[in-house]
PDB file of N, CA and C in Angstrom:
ATOM      1  N   MET A   1       0.793  -1.066  -0.023  1.00  0.00           N
ATOM      2  CA  MET A   1       0.047   0.150   0.003  1.00  0.00           C
ATOM      3  C   MET A   1       0.968   1.091   0.053  1.00  0.00           C
ATOM      4  N   SER A   2       0.381   2.255  -0.281  1.00  0.00           N
ATOM      5  CA  SER A   2       1.145   3.419  -0.736  1.00  0.00           C
ATOM      6  C   SER A   2       0.101   4.697  -0.364  1.00  0.00           C
ATOM      7  N   PHE A   3       0.739   5.820  -0.433  1.00  0.00           N
ATOM      8  CA  PHE A   3       0.128   7.315  -0.380  1.00  0.00           C
ATOM      9  C   PHE A   3       0.659   8.251  -1.038  1.00  0.00           C
ATOM     10  N   ASP A   4       0.058   9.451  -1.441  1.00  0.00           N
ATOM     11  CA  ASP A   4       0.873  10.484  -2.023  1.00  0.00           C
ATOM     12  C   ASP A   4       0.929  11.665  -1.008  1.00  0.00           C
ATOM     13  N   LEU A   5       1.985  12.481  -1.266  1.00  0.00           N
ATOM     14  CA  LEU A   5       2.037  13.644  -0.737  1.00  0.00           C
ATOM     15  C   LEU A   5       2.709  14.799  -2.049  1.00  0.00           C
ATOM     16  N   VAL A   6       2.172  15.694  -2.281  1.00  0.00           N
ATOM     17  CA  VAL A   6       2.592  16.674  -3.033  1.00  0.00           C
ATOM     18  C   VAL A   6       3.129  18.079  -2.162  1.00  0.00           C
ATOM     19  N   VAL A   7       4.230  18.407  -2.446  1.00  0.00           N
ATOM     20  CA  VAL A   7       5.112  19.581  -2.135  1.00  0.00           C
ATOM     21  C   VAL A   7       4.833  20.528  -3.096  1.00  0.00           C
ATOM     22  N   LEU A   8       4.502  21.755  -2.512  1.00  0.00           N
ATOM     23  CA  LEU A   8       4.210  22.961  -3.398  1.00  0.00           C
ATOM     24  C   LEU A   8       4.885  24.375  -3.059  1.00  0.00           C
ATOM     25  N   SER A   9       5.298  24.915  -3.887  1.00  0.00           N
ATOM     26  CA  SER A   9       5.599  26.216  -3.557  1.00  0.00           C
ATOM     27  C   SER A   9       4.433  27.277  -4.151  1.00  0.00           C
ATOM     28  N   VAL A  10       3.988  28.025  -3.202  1.00  0.00           N
ATOM     29  CA  VAL A  10       2.811  28.900  -3.260  1.00  0.00           C
ATOM     30  C   VAL A  10       3.241  30.339  -2.782  1.00  0.00           C
ATOM     31  N   GLU A  11       2.104  31.056  -3.385  1.00  0.00           N
ATOM     32  CA  GLU A  11       2.052  32.403  -2.985  1.00  0.00           C
ATOM     33  C   GLU A  11       1.670  32.606  -1.542  1.00  0.00           C
ATOM     34  N   PRO A  12       2.590  33.655  -0.893  1.00  0.00           N
ATOM     35  CA  PRO A  12       2.190  33.982   0.500  1.00  0.00           C
ATOM     36  C   PRO A  12       0.468  34.106   0.801  1.00  0.00           C
ATOM     37  N   SER A  13      -0.336  34.851  -0.153  1.00  0.00           N
ATOM     38  CA  SER A  13      -1.513  34.742   0.020  1.00  0.00           C
ATOM     39  C   SER A  13      -2.335  33.609  -0.343  1.00  0.00           C
ATOM     40  N   ALA A  14      -1.906  32.613  -0.661  1.00  0.00           N
ATOM     41  CA  ALA A  14      -2.514  31.251  -0.910  1.00  0.00           C
ATOM     42  C   ALA A  14      -3.675  30.824   0.076  1.00  0.00           C
ATOM     43  N   THR A  15      -4.513  30.191  -0.458  1.00  0.00           N
ATOM     44  CA  THR A  15      -5.296  29.724   0.691  1.00  0.00           C
ATOM     45  C   THR A  15      -5.381  28.154   0.383  1.00  0.00           C
ATOM     46  N   ALA A  16      -5.988  27.469   1.235  1.00  0.00           N
ATOM     47  CA  ALA A  16      -6.049  25.881   1.010  1.00  0.00           C
ATOM     48  C   ALA A  16      -6.649  25.472   0.031  1.00  0.00           C
ATOM     49  N   ASP A  17      -8.011  26.311  -0.684  1.00  0.00           N
ATOM     50  CA  ASP A  17      -8.474  25.856  -1.679  1.00  0.00           C
ATOM     51  C   ASP A  17      -7.502  26.235  -3.147  1.00  0.00           C
ATOM     52  N   ASP A  18      -6.511  27.190  -2.873  1.00  0.00           N
ATOM     53  CA  ASP A  18      -5.642  27.478  -3.950  1.00  0.00           C
ATOM     54  C   ASP A  18      -4.508  26.299  -4.295  1.00  0.00           C
ATOM     55  N   VAL A  19      -4.153  25.905  -2.635  1.00  0.00           N
ATOM     56  CA  VAL A  19      -3.550  24.783  -2.910  1.00  0.00           C
ATOM     57  C   VAL A  19      -3.865  23.218  -3.518  1.00  0.00           C
ATOM     58  N   ARG A  20      -5.103  23.415  -3.296  1.00  0.00           N
ATOM     59  CA  ARG A  20      -5.833  22.251  -3.669  1.00  0.00           C
ATOM     60  C   ARG A  20      -5.819  22.224  -5.086  1.00  0.00           C
ATOM     61  N   GLN A  21      -6.174  23.269  -5.847  1.00  0.00           N
ATOM     62  CA  GLN A  21      -6.488  23.361  -7.240  1.00  0.00           C
ATOM     63  C   GLN A  21      -5.038  23.341  -7.529  1.00  0.00           C
ATOM     64  N   MET A  22      -3.912  23.683  -7.253  1.00  0.00           N
ATOM     65  CA  MET A  22      -2.552  23.836  -7.955  1.00  0.00           C
ATOM     66  C   MET A  22      -1.922  22.044  -7.445  1.00  0.00           C
ATOM     67  N   ALA A  23      -2.332  21.570  -6.593  1.00  0.00           N
ATOM     68  CA  ALA A  23      -2.037  19.926  -6.653  1.00  0.00           C
ATOM     69  C   ALA A  23      -2.888  19.369  -7.478  1.00  0.00           C
ATOM     70  N   ASP A  24      -4.222  19.434  -7.933  1.00  0.00           N
ATOM     71  CA  ASP A  24      -4.773  19.037  -8.969  1.00  0.00           C
ATOM     72  C   ASP A  24      -4.171  19.249 -10.298  1.00  0.00           C
ATOM     73  N   HIS A  25      -3.755  20.453 -10.359  1.00  0.00           N
ATOM     74  CA  HIS A  25      -3.258  20.902 -12.048  1.00  0.00           C
ATOM     75  C   HIS A  25      -1.687  19.801 -11.877  1.00  0.00           C
ATOM     76  N   CYS A  26      -1.065  19.810 -10.754  1.00  0.00           N
ATOM     77  CA  CYS A  26       0.070  19.145 -10.796  1.00  0.00           C
ATOM     78  C   CYS A  26       0.273  17.720 -11.015  1.00  0.00           C
ATOM     79  N   THR A  27      -0.859  17.278 -10.773  1.00  0.00           N
ATOM     80  CA  THR A  27      -1.266  15.710 -11.153  1.00  0.00           C
ATOM     81  C   THR A  27      -1.754  15.433 -12.556  1.00  0.00           C
ATOM     82  N   GLY A  28      -1.986  16.396 -13.186  1.00  0.00           N
ATOM     83  CA  GLY A  28      -2.325  16.259 -14.660  1.00  0.00           C
ATOM     84  C   GLY A  28      -1.006  16.159 -15.304  1.00  0.00           C
ATOM     85  N   MET A  29      -1.412  15.818 -16.541  1.00  0.00           N
ATOM     86  CA  MET A  29      -0.691  15.292 -17.570  1.00  0.00           C
ATOM     87  C   MET A  29       0.180  16.774 -18.043  1.00  0.00           C
ATOM     88  N   GLU A  30      -0.335  17.930 -17.948  1.00  0.00           N
ATOM     89  CA  GLU A  30       0.539  19.429 -18.586  1.00  0.00           C
ATOM     90  C   GLU A  30       0.736  19.774 -17.408  1.00  0.00           C
ATOM     91  N   HIS A  31       2.153  20.495 -17.289  1.00  0.00           N
ATOM     92  CA  HIS A  31       2.780  21.053 -16.352  1.00  0.00           C
ATOM     93  C   HIS A  31       3.202  22.534 -16.366  1.00  0.00           C
ATOM     94  N   ARG A  32       2.942  23.475 -15.777  1.00  0.00           N
ATOM     95  CA  ARG A  32       3.456  24.632 -15.836  1.00  0.00           C
ATOM     96  C   ARG A  32       4.757  25.092 -16.312  1.00  0.00           C
ATOM     97  N   ASP A  33       4.792  25.736 -17.217  1.00  0.00           N
ATOM     98  CA  ASP A  33       6.194  26.410 -17.933  1.00  0.00           C
ATOM     99  C   ASP A  33       6.874  27.561 -17.129  1.00  0.00           C
ATOM    100  N   GLY A  34       8.200  27.684 -17.337  1.00  0.00           N
ATOM    101  CA  GLY A  34       8.686  29.022 -16.510  1.00  0.00           C
ATOM    102  C   GLY A  34       9.735  28.764 -15.713  1.00  0.00           C
ATOM    103  N   GLU A  35      10.356  29.428 -14.758  1.00  0.00           N
ATOM    104  CA  GLU A  35      11.236  29.085 -14.261  1.00  0.00           C
ATOM    105  C   GLU A  35      10.926  28.580 -12.972  1.00  0.00           C
ATOM    106  N   LEU A  36      12.247  27.582 -12.766  1.00  0.00           N
ATOM    107  CA  LEU A  36      12.290  27.193 -11.689  1.00  0.00           C
ATOM    108  C   LEU A  36      12.150  27.782 -10.411  1.00  0.00           C
ATOM    109  N   ASP A  37      11.523  27.327  -9.421  1.00  0.00           N
ATOM    110  CA  ASP A  37      11.326  27.812  -8.008  1.00  0.00           C
ATOM    111  C   ASP A  37      12.610  27.186  -7.472  1.00  0.00           C
ATOM    112  N   GLN A  38      13.535  28.069  -6.772  1.00  0.00           N
ATOM    113  CA  GLN A  38      14.598  27.582  -6.108  1.00  0.00           C
ATOM    114  C   GLN A  38      14.297  26.992  -4.859  1.00  0.00           C
ATOM    115  N   ARG A  39      13.286  26.991  -4.331  1.00  0.00           N
ATOM    116  CA  ARG A  39      12.955  26.576  -3.141  1.00  0.00           C
ATOM    117  C   ARG A  39      12.706  25.007  -3.273  1.00  0.00           C
ATOM    118  N   ILE A  40      11.922  24.677  -4.437  1.00  0.00           N
ATOM    119  CA  ILE A  40      11.676  23.178  -4.675  1.00  0.00           C
ATOM    120  C   ILE A  40      12.888  22.795  -5.183  1.00  0.00           C
ATOM    121  N   VAL A  41      13.728  23.289  -6.206  1.00  0.00           N
ATOM    122  CA  VAL A  41      14.988  22.690  -6.354  1.00  0.00           C
ATOM    123  C   VAL A  41      15.638  22.343  -5.272  1.00  0.00           C
ATOM    124  N   SER A  42      16.068  23.160  -4.409  1.00  0.00           N
ATOM    125  CA  SER A  42      16.604  22.767  -2.963  1.00  0.00           C
ATOM    126  C   SER A  42      16.102  21.484  -2.264  1.00  0.00           C
ATOM    127  N   PHE A  43      14.795  21.827  -2.548  1.00  0.00           N
ATOM    128  CA  PHE A  43      13.830  20.890  -1.476  1.00  0.00           C
ATOM    129  C   PHE A  43      14.451  19.340  -2.098  1.00  0.00           C
ATOM    130  N   TYR A  44      13.968  19.482  -3.356  1.00  0.00           N
ATOM    131  CA  TYR A  44      14.297  17.877  -4.117  1.00  0.00           C
ATOM    132  C   TYR A  44      15.564  17.676  -4.146  1.00  0.00           C
ATOM    133  N   GLU A  45      16.493  18.375  -4.256  1.00  0.00           N
ATOM    134  CA  GLU A  45      17.910  18.084  -4.203  1.00  0.00           C
ATOM    135  C   GLU A  45      18.326  17.440  -2.706  1.00  0.00           C
ATOM    136  N   GLN A  46      17.969  18.052  -1.781  1.00  0.00           N
ATOM    137  CA  GLN A  46      18.184  17.521  -0.188  1.00  0.00           C
ATOM    138  C   GLN A  46      17.503  16.327  -0.244  1.00  0.00           C
ATOM    139  N   LEU A  47      16.196  16.329  -0.737  1.00  0.00           N
ATOM    140  CA  LEU A  47      15.360  14.763  -0.321  1.00  0.00           C
ATOM    141  C   LEU A  47      15.966  13.655  -1.301  1.00  0.00           C
ATOM    142  N   ARG A  48      16.507  13.943  -2.333  1.00  0.00           N
ATOM    143  CA  ARG A  48      17.125  12.970  -2.895  1.00  0.00           C
ATOM    144  C   ARG A  48      18.483  12.555  -2.662  1.00  0.00           C
ATOM    145  N   ALA A  49      19.256  13.344  -1.874  1.00  0.00           N
ATOM    146  CA  ALA A  49      20.311  12.914  -1.431  1.00  0.00           C
ATOM    147  C   ALA A  49      20.106  12.002  -0.389  1.00  0.00           C
ATOM    148  N   ARG A  50      19.063  12.338   0.524  1.00  0.00           N
ATOM    149  CA  ARG A  50      18.644  11.335   1.702  1.00  0.00           C
ATOM    150  C   ARG A  50      18.085   9.802   1.004  1.00  0.00           C
ATOM    151  N   PHE A  51      16.936   9.903   0.073  1.00  0.00           N
ATOM    152  CA  PHE A  51      16.125   8.985  -0.466  1.00  0.00           C
ATOM    153  C   PHE A  51      16.240   8.865  -2.019  1.00  0.00           C
ATOM    154  N   PRO A  52      17.320   8.446  -2.713  1.00  0.00           N
ATOM    155  CA  PRO A  52      17.714   8.478  -4.019  1.00  0.00           C
ATOM    156  C   PRO A  52      16.462   8.139  -4.804  1.00  0.00           C
ATOM    157  N   ASP A  53      16.015   8.674  -5.749  1.00  0.00           N
ATOM    158  CA  ASP A  53      15.055   8.180  -6.675  1.00  0.00           C
ATOM    159  C   ASP A  53      15.057   8.159  -8.096  1.00  0.00           C
ATOM    160  N   HIS A  54      16.438   7.478  -8.274  1.00  0.00           N
ATOM    161  CA  HIS A  54      17.326   7.210  -9.567  1.00  0.00           C
ATOM    162  C   HIS A  54      17.968   6.184  -9.459  1.00  0.00           C
ATOM    163  N   PRO A  55      18.152   5.362 -10.379  1.00  0.00           N
ATOM    164  CA  PRO A  55      19.138   4.333 -10.367  1.00  0.00           C
ATOM    165  C   PRO A  55      20.346   4.126 -10.154  1.00  0.00           C
ATOM    166  N   PRO A  56      21.042   3.368  -9.090  1.00  0.00           N
ATOM    167  CA  PRO A  56      20.266   2.196  -8.894  1.00  0.00           C
ATOM    168  C   PRO A  56      19.437   2.480  -7.487  1.00  0.00           C
ATOM    169  N   TYR A  57      18.406   1.740  -7.653  1.00  0.00           N
ATOM    170  CA  TYR A  57      17.417   1.776  -6.693  1.00  0.00           C
ATOM    171  C   TYR A  57      17.432   1.038  -5.637  1.00  0.00           C
ATOM    172  N   ASP A  58      17.390   1.574  -4.564  1.00  0.00           N
ATOM    173  CA  ASP A  58      17.784   0.992  -3.161  1.00  0.00           C
ATOM    174  C   ASP A  58      16.317   0.090  -2.807  1.00  0.00           C
ATOM    175  N   PRO A  59      16.466  -1.203  -2.703  1.00  0.00           N
ATOM    176  CA  PRO A  59      15.361  -2.207  -2.184  1.00  0.00           C
ATOM    177  C   PRO A  59      14.719  -1.284  -0.941  1.00  0.00           C
ATOM    178  N   GLU A  60      15.335  -0.646  -0.290  1.00  0.00           N
ATOM    179  CA  GLU A  60      14.794  -0.159   0.964  1.00  0.00           C
ATOM    180  C   GLU A  60      13.894   1.227   0.634  1.00  0.00           C
ATOM    181  N   SER A  61      13.990   1.694  -0.419  1.00  0.00           N
ATOM    182  CA  SER A  61      13.381   3.101  -0.727  1.00  0.00           C
ATOM    183  C   SER A  61      12.103   3.194  -0.245  1.00  0.00           C
ATOM    184  N   PRO A  62      11.658   4.228   0.089  1.00  0.00           N
ATOM    185  CA  PRO A  62      10.583   4.694   0.594  1.00  0.00           C
ATOM    186  C   PRO A  62       9.365   4.743  -0.930  1.00  0.00           C
ATOM    187  N   TRP A  63      10.130   5.090  -2.004  1.00  0.00           N
ATOM    188  CA  TRP A  63       9.083   5.568  -3.449  1.00  0.00           C
ATOM    189  C   TRP A  63       8.573   4.161  -3.977  1.00  0.00           C
ATOM    190  N   MET A  64       7.392   4.435  -3.972  1.00  0.00           N
ATOM    191  CA  MET A  64       6.486   3.313  -4.878  1.00  0.00           C
ATOM    192  C   MET A  64       6.485   3.470  -6.185  1.00  0.00           C
ATOM    193  N   SER A  65       7.099   4.827  -6.634  1.00  0.00           N
ATOM    194  CA  SER A  65       7.185   5.131  -7.869  1.00  0.00           C
ATOM    195  C   SER A  65       8.436   6.042  -8.049  1.00  0.00           C
ATOM    196  N   ALA A  66       9.427   5.766  -9.074  1.00  0.00           N
ATOM    197  CA  ALA A  66      10.383   6.809  -9.152  1.00  0.00           C
ATOM    198  C   ALA A  66      10.807   6.821 -10.681  1.00  0.00           C
ATOM    199  N   PRO A  67      11.417   8.028 -11.143  1.00  0.00           N
ATOM    200  CA  PRO A  67      11.829   8.990 -10.271  1.00  0.00           C
ATOM    201  C   PRO A  67      10.565   9.627  -9.741  1.00  0.00           C
ATOM    202  N   LEU A  68      10.698  10.615  -8.775  1.00  0.00           N
ATOM    203  CA  LEU A  68       9.566  11.369  -8.320  1.00  0.00           C
ATOM    204  C   LEU A  68       9.257  12.423  -9.520  1.00  0.00           C
ATOM    205  N   ALA A  69       7.907  13.008  -9.251  1.00  0.00           N
ATOM    206  CA  ALA A  69       7.291  13.761 -10.249  1.00  0.00           C
ATOM    207  C   ALA A  69       7.564  14.835 -10.039  1.00  0.00           C
ATOM    208  N   VAL A  70       8.449  15.876 -10.750  1.00  0.00           N
ATOM    209  CA  VAL A  70       8.851  17.309 -10.308  1.00  0.00           C
ATOM    210  C   VAL A  70       8.617  18.220 -11.388  1.00  0.00           C
ATOM    211  N   GLY A  71       8.183  19.341 -11.042  1.00  0.00           N
ATOM    212  CA  GLY A  71       7.662  20.513 -11.991  1.00  0.00           C
ATOM    213  C   GLY A  71       8.656  21.748 -11.439  1.00  0.00           C
ATOM    214  N   ILE A  72       8.220  23.113 -11.860  1.00  0.00           N
ATOM    215  CA  ILE A  72       8.706  24.022 -11.523  1.00  0.00           C
ATOM    216  C   ILE A  72       8.425  24.289 -10.341  1.00  0.00           C
ATOM    217  N   ASP A  73       7.375  24.134  -9.798  1.00  0.00           N
ATOM    218  CA  ASP A  73       6.798  24.550  -8.413  1.00  0.00           C
ATOM    219  C   ASP A  73       5.905  23.291  -7.623  1.00  0.00           C
ATOM    220  N   HIS A  74       6.442  22.168  -7.948  1.00  0.00           N
ATOM    221  CA  HIS A  74       6.181  20.749  -7.077  1.00  0.00           C
ATOM    222  C   HIS A  74       7.010  19.547  -7.046  1.00  0.00           C
ATOM    223  N   VAL A  75       6.971  19.075  -6.044  1.00  0.00           N
ATOM    224  CA  VAL A  75       7.330  17.491  -5.977  1.00  0.00           C
ATOM    225  C   VAL A  75       6.443  16.715  -5.340  1.00  0.00           C
ATOM    226  N   ARG A  76       5.762  15.814  -6.352  1.00  0.00           N
ATOM    227  CA  ARG A  76       4.882  14.765  -6.031  1.00  0.00           C
ATOM    228  C   ARG A  76       5.467  13.437  -5.878  1.00  0.00           C
ATOM    229  N   MET A  77       4.959  12.836  -4.664  1.00  0.00           N
ATOM    230  CA  MET A  77       5.687  11.580  -4.246  1.00  0.00           C
ATOM    231  C   MET A  77       4.616  10.407  -3.696  1.00  0.00           C
ATOM    232  N   ASN A  78       5.085   9.121  -4.107  1.00  0.00           N
ATOM    233  CA  ASN A  78       4.151   7.900  -3.911  1.00  0.00           C
ATOM    234  C   ASN A  78       4.866   7.413  -2.935  1.00  0.00           C
ATOM    235  N   ILE A  79       4.586   7.272  -1.741  1.00  0.00           N
ATOM    236  CA  ILE A  79       5.289   6.848  -0.285  1.00  0.00           C
ATOM    237  C   ILE A  79       4.790   5.682  -0.075  1.00  0.00           C
ATOM    238  N   SER A  80       5.564   4.638   0.390  1.00  0.00           N
ATOM    239  CA  SER A  80       5.134   3.238   0.914  1.00  0.00           C
ATOM    240  C   SER A  80       4.852   3.370   1.987  1.00  0.00           C
ATOM    241  N   TYR A  81       3.812   2.626   2.865  1.00  0.00           N
ATOM    242  CA  TYR A  81       3.539   2.563   4.278  1.00  0.00           C
ATOM    243  C   TYR A  81       4.317   1.696   4.723  1.00  0.00           C
ATOM    244  N   SER A  82       5.444   1.991   5.474  1.00  0.00           N
ATOM    245  CA  SER A  82       6.635   1.245   5.849  1.00  0.00           C
ATOM    246  C   SER A  82       7.639   2.068   6.848  1.00  0.00           C
ATOM    247  N   PRO A  83       8.108   1.624   7.820  1.00  0.00           N
ATOM    248  CA  PRO A  83       9.002   2.362   8.427  1.00  0.00           C
ATOM    249  C   PRO A  83       9.901   3.184   7.529  1.00  0.00           C
ATOM    250  N   ARG A  84      10.295   2.863   6.646  1.00  0.00           N
ATOM    251  CA  ARG A  84      11.235   3.605   5.429  1.00  0.00           C
ATOM    252  C   ARG A  84      10.104   4.753   5.096  1.00  0.00           C
ATOM    253  N   GLY A  85       8.991   4.636   4.894  1.00  0.00           N
ATOM    254  CA  GLY A  85       8.232   5.384   4.313  1.00  0.00           C
ATOM    255  C   GLY A  85       7.927   6.720   5.470  1.00  0.00           C
ATOM    256  N   SER A  86       7.749   6.169   6.737  1.00  0.00           N
ATOM    257  CA  SER A  86       7.366   7.036   7.847  1.00  0.00           C
ATOM    258  C   SER A  86       8.658   7.871   7.944  1.00  0.00           C
ATOM    259  N   GLU A  87       9.802   7.457   7.992  1.00  0.00           N
ATOM    260  CA  GLU A  87      11.033   8.295   8.039  1.00  0.00           C
ATOM    261  C   GLU A  87      11.101   9.423   6.791  1.00  0.00           C
ATOM    262  N   ALA A  88      10.757   9.154   5.559  1.00  0.00           N
ATOM    263  CA  ALA A  88      10.769   9.791   4.385  1.00  0.00           C
ATOM    264  C   ALA A  88       9.945  10.758   4.784  1.00  0.00           C
ATOM    265  N   VAL A  89       8.465  10.731   5.308  1.00  0.00           N
ATOM    266  CA  VAL A  89       7.731  11.706   5.611  1.00  0.00           C
ATOM    267  C   VAL A  89       8.268  12.542   6.588  1.00  0.00           C
ATOM    268  N   ASP A  90       8.811  12.478   7.458  1.00  0.00           N
ATOM    269  CA  ASP A  90       9.595  13.049   8.637  1.00  0.00           C
ATOM    270  C   ASP A  90      10.623  14.156   7.925  1.00  0.00           C
ATOM    271  N   VAL A  91      11.030  13.438   7.094  1.00  0.00           N
ATOM    272  CA  VAL A  91      12.230  14.169   6.378  1.00  0.00           C
ATOM    273  C   VAL A  91      11.562  15.280   5.138  1.00  0.00           C
ATOM    274  N   VAL A  92      10.503  14.753   4.799  1.00  0.00           N
ATOM    275  CA  VAL A  92       9.690  15.710   3.870  1.00  0.00           C
ATOM    276  C   VAL A  92       9.029  16.805   4.804  1.00  0.00           C
ATOM    277  N   LEU A  93       8.401  16.252   5.762  1.00  0.00           N
ATOM    278  CA  LEU A  93       7.874  17.717   6.706  1.00  0.00           C
ATOM    279  C   LEU A  93       9.179  18.799   6.966  1.00  0.00           C
ATOM    280  N   ASP A  94      10.515  18.092   7.524  1.00  0.00           N
ATOM    281  CA  ASP A  94      11.424  18.840   7.966  1.00  0.00           C
ATOM    282  C   ASP A  94      11.697  19.869   6.731  1.00  0.00           C
ATOM    283  N   LEU A  95      12.099  19.314   5.510  1.00  0.00           N
ATOM    284  CA  LEU A  95      12.333  20.229   4.379  1.00  0.00           C
ATOM    285  C   LEU A  95      11.773  20.997   3.882  1.00  0.00           C
ATOM    286  N   ALA A  96      10.303  20.900   3.821  1.00  0.00           N
ATOM    287  CA  ALA A  96       9.183  21.692   3.439  1.00  0.00           C
ATOM    288  C   ALA A  96       9.283  22.973   4.357  1.00  0.00           C
ATOM    289  N   GLU A  97       9.152  22.714   5.761  1.00  0.00           N
ATOM    290  CA  GLU A  97       9.640  23.718   6.697  1.00  0.00           C
ATOM    291  C   GLU A  97      10.644  24.597   6.301  1.00  0.00           C
ATOM    292  N   ARG A  98      11.586  23.996   6.440  1.00  0.00           N
ATOM    293  CA  ARG A  98      12.830  24.803   5.870  1.00  0.00           C
ATOM    294  C   ARG A  98      13.062  25.853   4.887  1.00  0.00           C
ATOM    295  N   HIS A  99      12.338  25.197   3.907  1.00  0.00           N
ATOM    296  CA  HIS A  99      12.156  25.992   2.770  1.00  0.00           C
ATOM    297  C   HIS A  99      11.156  26.811   2.529  1.00  0.00           C
ATOM    298  N   GLY A 100      10.159  26.810   3.501  1.00  0.00           N
ATOM    299  CA  GLY A 100       8.967  27.460   3.147  1.00  0.00           C
ATOM    300  C   GLY A 100       7.913  27.044   2.328  1.00  0.00           C
ATOM    301  N   LEU A 101       7.710  25.636   2.127  1.00  0.00           N
ATOM    302  CA  LEU A 101       6.962  25.124   1.006  1.00  0.00           C
ATOM    303  C   LEU A 101       5.867  24.418   1.772  1.00  0.00           C
ATOM    304  N   VAL A 102       4.765  24.150   1.090  1.00  0.00           N
ATOM    305  CA  VAL A 102       3.483  23.806   1.626  1.00  0.00           C
ATOM    306  C   VAL A 102       3.362  22.000   0.946  1.00  0.00           C
ATOM    307  N   ILE A 103       2.555  21.299   1.915  1.00  0.00           N
ATOM    308  CA  ILE A 103       2.286  19.881   1.856  1.00  0.00           C
ATOM    309  C   ILE A 103       1.256  19.742   1.603  1.00  0.00           C
ATOM    310  N   TYR A 104       0.631  19.082   0.439  1.00  0.00           N
ATOM    311  CA  TYR A 104      -0.753  18.483   0.404  1.00  0.00           C
ATOM    312  C   TYR A 104      -0.825  17.198   0.496  1.00  0.00           C
ATOM    313  N   ASP A 105      -1.882  16.540   1.120  1.00  0.00           N
ATOM    314  CA  ASP A 105      -2.423  15.052   1.231  1.00  0.00           C
ATOM    315  C   ASP A 105      -3.649  14.883   0.629  1.00  0.00           C
ATOM    316  N   PRO A 106      -3.381  14.523  -0.313  1.00  0.00           N
ATOM    317  CA  PRO A 106      -4.942  14.136  -1.013  1.00  0.00           C
ATOM    318  C   PRO A 106      -5.637  13.031  -0.424  1.00  0.00           C
ATOM    319  N   GLN A 107      -5.222  12.040   0.388  1.00  0.00           N
ATOM    320  CA  GLN A 107      -6.048  11.394   0.983  1.00  0.00           C
ATOM    321  C   GLN A 107      -6.990  11.981   2.219  1.00  0.00           C
ATOM    322  N   GLY A 108      -6.431  12.694   2.868  1.00  0.00           N
ATOM    323  CA  GLY A 108      -7.034  13.376   3.716  1.00  0.00           C
ATOM    324  C   GLY A 108      -7.313  14.764   3.501  1.00  0.00           C
ATOM    325  N   ASP A 109      -7.006  15.334   2.675  1.00  0.00           N
ATOM    326  CA  ASP A 109      -7.207  16.366   1.737  1.00  0.00           C
ATOM    327  C   ASP A 109      -6.798  17.611   2.780  1.00  0.00           C
ATOM    328  N   GLU A 110      -5.764  17.570   3.458  1.00  0.00           N
ATOM    329  CA  GLU A 110      -5.042  18.108   4.460  1.00  0.00           C
ATOM    330  C   GLU A 110      -3.902  19.093   3.728  1.00  0.00           C
ATOM    331  N   VAL A 111      -3.627  20.319   4.035  1.00  0.00           N
ATOM    332  CA  VAL A 111      -2.744  21.267   3.678  1.00  0.00           C
ATOM    333  C   VAL A 111      -1.771  21.515   4.949  1.00  0.00           C
ATOM    334  N   THR A 112      -0.620  21.288   4.881  1.00  0.00           N
ATOM    335  CA  THR A 112       0.318  21.843   6.050  1.00  0.00           C
ATOM    336  C   THR A 112       1.466  22.762   5.658  1.00  0.00           C
ATOM    337  N   GLY A 113       1.627  23.542   6.356  1.00  0.00           N
ATOM    338  CA  GLY A 113       2.516  24.621   6.088  1.00  0.00           C
ATOM    339  C   GLY A 113       2.212  26.161   5.514  1.00  0.00           C
ATOM    340  N   LEU A 114       0.669  26.264   5.506  1.00  0.00           N
ATOM    341  CA  LEU A 114       0.444  27.081   5.136  1.00  0.00           C
ATOM    342  C   LEU A 114       0.078  28.457   5.948  1.00  0.00           C
ATOM    343  N   ARG A 115       0.904  29.516   5.391  1.00  0.00           N
ATOM    344  CA  ARG A 115       1.149  30.729   6.794  1.00  0.00           C
ATOM    345  C   ARG A 115       2.324  30.127   7.778  1.00  0.00           C
ATOM    346  N   GLY A 116       3.191  29.238   7.039  1.00  0.00           N
ATOM    347  CA  GLY A 116       4.094  28.687   8.133  1.00  0.00           C
ATOM    348  C   GLY A 116       3.408  27.933   9.123  1.00  0.00           C
ATOM    349  N   ASP A 117       2.436  27.567   9.396  1.00  0.00           N
ATOM    350  CA  ASP A 117       2.083  26.608  10.299  1.00  0.00           C
ATOM    351  C   ASP A 117       2.341  24.910  10.102  1.00  0.00           C
ATOM    352  N   TYR A 118       3.208  24.371  10.630  1.00  0.00           N
ATOM    353  CA  TYR A 118       3.410  22.969  10.135  1.00  0.00           C
ATOM    354  C   TYR A 118       3.130  22.236  11.291  1.00  0.00           C
ATOM    355  N   GLU A 119       2.409  22.693  12.334  1.00  0.00           N
ATOM    356  CA  GLU A 119       1.873  22.078  13.417  1.00  0.00           C
ATOM    357  C   GLU A 119       0.199  21.256  13.103  1.00  0.00           C
ATOM    358  N   VAL A 120      -0.497  22.077  12.565  1.00  0.00           N
ATOM    359  CA  VAL A 120      -1.656  21.488  12.413  1.00  0.00           C
ATOM    360  C   VAL A 120      -2.272  21.853  11.102  1.00  0.00           C
ATOM    361  N   PRO A 121      -2.498  20.695  10.301  1.00  0.00           N
ATOM    362  CA  PRO A 121      -2.877  20.792   9.192  1.00  0.00           C
ATOM    363  C   PRO A 121      -3.960  21.167   8.922  1.00  0.00           C
ATOM    364  N   ALA A 122      -4.348  22.159   7.818  1.00  0.00           N
ATOM    365  CA  ALA A 122      -5.570  23.060   7.588  1.00  0.00           C
ATOM    366  C   ALA A 122      -6.526  22.054   6.512  1.00  0.00           C
ATOM    367  N   ARG A 123      -7.823  22.003   6.894  1.00  0.00           N
ATOM    368  CA  ARG A 123      -8.715  21.258   5.836  1.00  0.00           C
ATOM    369  C   ARG A 123      -9.605  22.215   5.041  1.00  0.00           C
TER     370      ARG A 123
END
């Protein structure tokens, strides 16, 4: 079993509905064109340094699908339900907070990190 998380770079004025809309767009086939958001670049580089998403694949990888889906403003992950997956979620939360990014959990329809609040997800 697995679950998805989407890490997004949003404007400071974004609402939870804006985040949901952006996450929906990121899961589609067409992605936005433009300049890479440096926060996403740094997040992704640090995440994959800890949990590589390119060959050779680690049998203990938390990723159920690799490479991760990356766009100019997001990183989408499909994570295994496992101790290694839980460890990856902790790293995702830490890195997202460090880089001022927002996390969207489509299973629970929760937004974490909006307005810098990483303690209580917004619904």
